[in-house]
Amino acid sequence: MKSAPPGKSTSAVEVTNVSVHGFWILIDDREVFVSFKDFPWFEEASIQDLVAVDLPSPHHLYWPALDIDLTVDSLDNPERYPLVSRRHRRSRTPRLRTGRLRTEGRLGPPLRAYADRSSRHLA
């Protein structure tokens, strides 16, 4: 008995990898790196919110949980699209010189669970 060939992918867009510098997104058959330096709105987002991306049209990306709309061209040519929104400095997660999260002070929602778990190791 012979198996049927695999079907076509049902998703035209997919986040394939996330690093501290940004994330890779697969759009149709090509992969693009989205730098947090060029697109700071994504830096504090949770993985769950990053991977929940839609492709409503061939040249339009939308992250519903983050309420972010981007054109595919802006990923290819970020220098053509100046940033019109700046992230607030206070939204940065405070860090110790060792790179570990501080447990005192206000932490953003995506890192709160991590800080609660790691606070046992800082004492």
C-alpha atoms as a PDB file:
ATOM      1  CA  MET A   1       0.000   0.000   0.000  1.00  0.00           C
ATOM      2  CA  LYS A   2       1.396   3.373  -0.976  1.00  0.00           C
ATOM      3  CA  SER A   3       0.800   6.539   1.070  1.00  0.00           C
ATOM      4  CA  ALA A   4      -0.520   9.661  -0.550  1.00  0.00           C
ATOM      5  CA  PRO A   5       2.018  12.471  -0.993  1.00  0.00           C
ATOM      6  CA  PRO A   6       1.966  15.117   1.733  1.00  0.00           C
ATOM      7  CA  GLY A   7      -0.491  17.915   1.171  1.00  0.00           C
ATOM      8  CA  LYS A   8       0.281  21.556   0.683  1.00  0.00           C
ATOM      9  CA  SER A   9       0.958  23.589   3.826  1.00  0.00           C
ATOM     10  CA  THR A  10      -2.229  25.121   5.212  1.00  0.00           C
ATOM     11  CA  SER A  11      -0.376  28.148   6.587  1.00  0.00           C
ATOM     12  CA  ALA A  12       1.049  30.753   4.216  1.00  0.00           C
ATOM     13  CA  VAL A  13       2.843  32.461   7.130  1.00  0.00           C
ATOM     14  CA  GLU A  14       4.632  30.974  10.133  1.00  0.00           C
ATOM     15  CA  VAL A  15       7.151  32.125  12.745  1.00  0.00           C
ATOM     16  CA  THR A  16       9.908  29.512  12.560  1.00  0.00           C
ATOM     17  CA  ASN A  17      12.450  30.650  15.160  1.00  0.00           C
ATOM     18  CA  VAL A  18      12.889  33.284  17.880  1.00  0.00           C
ATOM     19  CA  SER A  19      16.171  34.619  19.297  1.00  0.00           C
ATOM     20  CA  VAL A  20      17.193  37.514  21.549  1.00  0.00           C
ATOM     21  CA  HIS A  21      17.840  39.599  18.403  1.00  0.00           C
ATOM     22  CA  GLY A  22      14.567  38.956  16.579  1.00  0.00           C
ATOM     23  CA  PHE A  23      12.602  36.210  14.883  1.00  0.00           C
ATOM     24  CA  TRP A  24      12.369  34.431  11.537  1.00  0.00           C
ATOM     25  CA  ILE A  25       9.096  34.362   9.681  1.00  0.00           C
ATOM     26  CA  LEU A  26       8.273  32.072   6.753  1.00  0.00           C
ATOM     27  CA  ILE A  27       6.062  33.810   4.205  1.00  0.00           C
ATOM     28  CA  ASP A  28       4.974  31.420   1.472  1.00  0.00           C
ATOM     29  CA  ASP A  29       8.309  29.841   0.470  1.00  0.00           C
ATOM     30  CA  ARG A  30      10.808  32.394   1.774  1.00  0.00           C
ATOM     31  CA  GLU A  31      12.133  33.118   5.243  1.00  0.00           C
ATOM     32  CA  VAL A  32      12.718  36.669   6.507  1.00  0.00           C
ATOM     33  CA  PHE A  33      14.479  37.823   9.692  1.00  0.00           C
ATOM     34  CA  VAL A  34      12.586  40.434  11.727  1.00  0.00           C
ATOM     35  CA  SER A  35      15.045  42.321  13.924  1.00  0.00           C
ATOM     36  CA  PHE A  36      13.898  43.716  17.282  1.00  0.00           C
ATOM     37  CA  LYS A  37      16.151  46.695  16.521  1.00  0.00           C
ATOM     38  CA  ASP A  38      14.132  47.538  13.403  1.00  0.00           C
ATOM     39  CA  PHE A  39      10.768  46.455  14.853  1.00  0.00           C
ATOM     40  CA  PRO A  40      10.899  47.197  18.622  1.00  0.00           C
ATOM     41  CA  TRP A  41       7.171  46.533  19.111  1.00  0.00           C
ATOM     42  CA  PHE A  42       7.853  42.795  19.073  1.00  0.00           C
ATOM     43  CA  GLU A  43      10.686  42.722  21.636  1.00  0.00           C
ATOM     44  CA  GLU A  44       8.482  42.473  24.729  1.00  0.00           C
ATOM     45  CA  ALA A  45       5.873  40.216  23.117  1.00  0.00           C
ATOM     46  CA  SER A  46       5.320  36.684  24.332  1.00  0.00           C
ATOM     47  CA  ILE A  47       6.153  33.766  22.052  1.00  0.00           C
ATOM     48  CA  GLN A  48       2.449  32.936  21.910  1.00  0.00           C
ATOM     49  CA  ASP A  49       1.661  36.427  20.592  1.00  0.00           C
ATOM     50  CA  LEU A  50       4.562  36.371  18.099  1.00  0.00           C
ATOM     51  CA  VAL A  51       3.516  33.111  16.473  1.00  0.00           C
ATOM     52  CA  ALA A  52      -0.138  34.181  16.162  1.00  0.00           C
ATOM     53  CA  VAL A  53       0.312  35.952  12.832  1.00  0.00           C
ATOM     54  CA  ASP A  54      -2.144  36.173   9.939  1.00  0.00           C
ATOM     55  CA  LEU A  55      -1.630  36.884   6.247  1.00  0.00           C
ATOM     56  CA  PRO A  56      -4.907  38.603   5.251  1.00  0.00           C
ATOM     57  CA  SER A  57      -3.490  39.426   1.806  1.00  0.00           C
ATOM     58  CA  PRO A  58      -0.262  38.480  -0.009  1.00  0.00           C
ATOM     59  CA  HIS A  59       1.516  41.687   1.081  1.00  0.00           C
ATOM     60  CA  HIS A  60      -0.021  42.265   4.515  1.00  0.00           C
ATOM     61  CA  LEU A  61       0.855  40.693   7.903  1.00  0.00           C
ATOM     62  CA  TYR A  62      -1.261  41.100  11.030  1.00  0.00           C
ATOM     63  CA  TRP A  63      -0.644  40.111  14.669  1.00  0.00           C
ATOM     64  CA  PRO A  64      -4.112  40.327  16.294  1.00  0.00           C
ATOM     65  CA  ALA A  65      -2.973  39.968  19.919  1.00  0.00           C
ATOM     66  CA  LEU A  66      -0.423  42.757  19.457  1.00  0.00           C
ATOM     67  CA  ASP A  67      -2.574  44.859  17.068  1.00  0.00           C
ATOM     68  CA  ILE A  68       0.386  45.193  14.675  1.00  0.00           C
ATOM     69  CA  ASP A  69      -0.023  45.529  10.906  1.00  0.00           C
ATOM     70  CA  LEU A  70       3.003  45.380   8.601  1.00  0.00           C
ATOM     71  CA  THR A  71       3.557  45.193   4.904  1.00  0.00           C
ATOM     72  CA  VAL A  72       5.837  42.397   3.716  1.00  0.00           C
ATOM     73  CA  ASP A  73       7.935  45.064   1.974  1.00  0.00           C
ATOM     74  CA  SER A  74       8.677  46.707   5.335  1.00  0.00           C
ATOM     75  CA  LEU A  75      10.368  43.471   6.447  1.00  0.00           C
ATOM     76  CA  ASP A  76      12.478  43.373   3.282  1.00  0.00           C
ATOM     77  CA  ASN A  77      13.324  47.091   3.366  1.00  0.00           C
ATOM     78  CA  PRO A  78      12.953  48.494   6.907  1.00  0.00           C
ATOM     79  CA  GLU A  79      14.991  51.594   5.990  1.00  0.00           C
ATOM     80  CA  ARG A  80      12.129  52.727   3.714  1.00  0.00           C
ATOM     81  CA  TYR A  81       9.688  52.721   6.646  1.00  0.00           C
ATOM     82  CA  PRO A  82      10.749  55.025   9.485  1.00  0.00           C
ATOM     83  CA  LEU A  83       9.501  54.093  12.916  1.00  0.00           C
ATOM     84  CA  VAL A  84       6.477  56.135  13.906  1.00  0.00           C
ATOM     85  CA  SER A  85       6.084  54.610  17.337  1.00  0.00           C
ATOM     86  CA  ARG A  86       8.701  54.345  20.041  1.00  0.00           C
ATOM     87  CA  ARG A  87       8.559  51.948  22.932  1.00  0.00           C
ATOM     88  CA  HIS A  88       8.572  53.543  26.380  1.00  0.00           C
ATOM     89  CA  ARG A  89      11.872  53.262  28.232  1.00  0.00           C
ATOM     90  CA  ARG A  90      10.133  52.065  31.382  1.00  0.00           C
ATOM     91  CA  SER A  91       8.833  49.000  29.515  1.00  0.00           C
ATOM     92  CA  ARG A  92      12.376  47.601  29.399  1.00  0.00           C
ATOM     93  CA  THR A  93      12.799  44.727  31.809  1.00  0.00           C
ATOM     94  CA  PRO A  94      15.391  45.706  34.430  1.00  0.00           C
ATOM     95  CA  ARG A  95      18.418  43.410  34.528  1.00  0.00           C
ATOM     96  CA  LEU A  96      21.315  42.930  36.878  1.00  0.00           C
ATOM     97  CA  ARG A  97      24.861  43.190  35.539  1.00  0.00           C
ATOM     98  CA  THR A  98      24.972  39.392  35.464  1.00  0.00           C
ATOM     99  CA  GLY A  99      22.122  39.388  32.939  1.00  0.00           C
ATOM    100  CA  ARG A 100      19.619  37.883  35.383  1.00  0.00           C
ATOM    101  CA  LEU A 101      16.241  39.499  35.883  1.00  0.00           C
ATOM    102  CA  ARG A 102      15.703  41.681  38.915  1.00  0.00           C
ATOM    103  CA  THR A 103      12.892  40.439  41.068  1.00  0.00           C
ATOM    104  CA  GLU A 104      11.993  43.805  42.591  1.00  0.00           C
ATOM    105  CA  GLY A 105      10.159  46.450  40.602  1.00  0.00           C
ATOM    106  CA  ARG A 106       7.586  46.190  37.839  1.00  0.00           C
ATOM    107  CA  LEU A 107       8.029  43.442  35.261  1.00  0.00           C
ATOM    108  CA  GLY A 108       6.079  43.105  32.045  1.00  0.00           C
ATOM    109  CA  PRO A 109       3.527  40.279  31.805  1.00  0.00           C
ATOM    110  CA  PRO A 110       5.525  37.986  29.472  1.00  0.00           C
ATOM    111  CA  LEU A 111       8.441  37.732  31.913  1.00  0.00           C
ATOM    112  CA  ARG A 112       6.583  37.727  35.240  1.00  0.00           C
ATOM    113  CA  ALA A 113       6.339  33.925  35.430  1.00  0.00           C
ATOM    114  CA  TYR A 114      10.033  33.562  34.580  1.00  0.00           C
ATOM    115  CA  ALA A 115      11.002  36.103  37.256  1.00  0.00           C
ATOM    116  CA  ASP A 116       8.890  34.305  39.866  1.00  0.00           C
ATOM    117  CA  ARG A 117      10.659  31.021  39.094  1.00  0.00           C
ATOM    118  CA  SER A 118      14.151  32.517  38.899  1.00  0.00           C
ATOM    119  CA  SER A 119      13.798  34.588  42.084  1.00  0.00           C
ATOM    120  CA  ARG A 120      14.431  31.441  44.128  1.00  0.00           C
ATOM    121  CA  HIS A 121      17.861  31.165  42.499  1.00  0.00           C
ATOM    122  CA  LEU A 122      18.803  34.802  43.140  1.00  0.00           C
ATOM    123  CA  ALA A 123      18.429  34.635  46.927  1.00  0.00           C
END
